[in-house]
Protein backbone atom coordinates (compact mmCIF):
# COMPACT_ATOMS: atom_id res chain seq x y z
CA MET A 1 -1.38 -3.50 15.52
CA ASP A 2 1.46 -2.60 13.20
CA THR A 3 1.70 0.98 12.05
CA ILE A 4 2.91 2.06 8.62
CA LEU A 5 5.90 4.33 9.26
CA GLU A 6 6.91 5.01 5.66
CA ALA A 7 4.89 4.97 2.45
CA THR A 8 6.84 5.91 -0.66
CA PRO A 9 4.87 5.90 -3.92
CA LEU A 10 6.60 4.10 -6.79
CA GLU A 11 5.83 3.54 -10.46
CA ASN A 12 2.94 1.39 -11.64
CA PHE A 13 0.70 2.13 -8.62
CA THR A 14 2.90 0.47 -6.04
CA ILE A 15 4.07 1.76 -2.66
CA ASP A 16 7.26 0.92 -0.79
CA VAL A 17 6.24 0.51 2.86
CA LEU A 18 7.94 0.03 6.22
CA THR A 19 6.02 -0.96 9.35
CA SER A 20 6.70 -0.40 13.04
CA SER A 21 7.61 -4.09 13.43
CA GLY A 22 10.19 -3.91 10.64
CA ILE A 23 8.17 -5.51 7.87
CA SER A 24 9.01 -3.89 4.56
CA GLY A 25 8.02 -4.52 0.99
CA ILE A 26 6.18 -3.32 -2.06
CA PHE A 27 2.41 -2.96 -1.78
CA ASP A 28 0.59 -3.23 -5.12
CA VAL A 29 -2.48 -0.98 -5.17
CA LYS A 30 -3.60 -1.96 -8.69
CA PRO A 31 -6.09 -4.64 -7.51
CA TYR A 32 -7.91 -1.96 -5.49
CA LEU A 33 -8.23 0.64 -8.27
CA GLU A 34 -11.42 -0.87 -9.68
CA GLY A 35 -13.44 -0.22 -6.53
CA SER A 36 -15.48 2.98 -6.65
CA ALA A 37 -13.94 4.29 -3.40
CA PHE A 38 -10.43 4.02 -4.88
CA LYS A 39 -11.12 5.13 -8.48
CA GLU A 40 -9.45 8.51 -7.85
CA LEU A 41 -6.17 6.72 -7.09
CA SER A 42 -5.84 5.81 -10.78
CA ASN A 43 -4.71 9.41 -11.33
CA SER A 44 -0.94 9.06 -10.89
CA SER A 45 -0.50 12.62 -9.56
CA TYR A 46 -3.13 12.03 -6.89
CA PHE A 47 -1.75 8.54 -6.15
CA ARG A 48 1.63 10.05 -5.24
CA LEU A 49 -0.04 12.02 -2.40
CA VAL A 50 -0.20 8.88 -0.23
CA ARG A 51 0.98 9.18 3.37
CA PRO A 52 1.03 7.04 6.51
CA ALA A 53 -2.05 7.67 8.69
CA HIS A 54 -4.15 5.87 11.32
CA HIS A 55 -1.89 2.77 11.30
CA GLY A 56 -2.27 2.38 7.52
CA ILE A 57 -2.01 4.70 4.53
CA MET A 58 -4.29 7.51 3.37
CA TRP A 59 -4.83 9.98 0.54
CA PRO A 60 -6.17 13.56 0.83
CA ASN A 61 -9.80 12.65 0.09
CA GLU A 62 -9.70 10.07 2.89
CA GLN A 63 -9.30 6.88 0.87
CA ASP A 64 -7.40 4.59 3.21
CA ILE A 65 -6.01 1.08 3.43
CA SER A 66 -5.29 -0.60 6.76
CA SER A 67 -1.89 -1.85 7.81
CA ASP A 68 -3.37 -5.36 8.17
CA THR A 69 -4.38 -5.41 4.50
CA ILE A 70 -1.02 -4.02 3.39
CA ILE A 71 1.02 -6.49 5.46
CA CYS A 72 -1.08 -9.45 4.33
CA ASP A 73 -0.64 -8.48 0.65
CA ILE A 74 3.13 -7.95 1.04
CA GLN A 75 3.60 -11.28 2.81
CA ASN A 76 1.50 -13.13 0.23
CA ALA A 77 3.52 -11.57 -2.62
CA GLN A 78 6.79 -12.51 -0.90
CA GLN A 79 5.61 -16.13 -0.49
CA ILE A 80 4.74 -16.30 -4.19
CA ASP A 81 8.15 -14.87 -5.12
CA GLU A 82 9.91 -17.43 -2.90
CA ALA A 83 7.92 -20.28 -4.43
CA ASP A 84 8.86 -19.11 -7.94
CA ALA A 85 12.57 -18.92 -7.05
């Protein structure tokens, strides 16, 4: 399983990530903000507290997203971008 090595919060609820296998890209968290478990992430100050943890990413109150989910979303977004080019 890939591990998230770097998770840098960006504007507009996105995170620049780098994995142990060298996959990198921008992970868009906005689709997850509507879920009750992730509602707290809509606070931009709290959102910026993201850090790599347990293969994925995590916030202080233990909201977490797995590396599998992050990688899948990044790869899907990159495929869409390539198709639009």
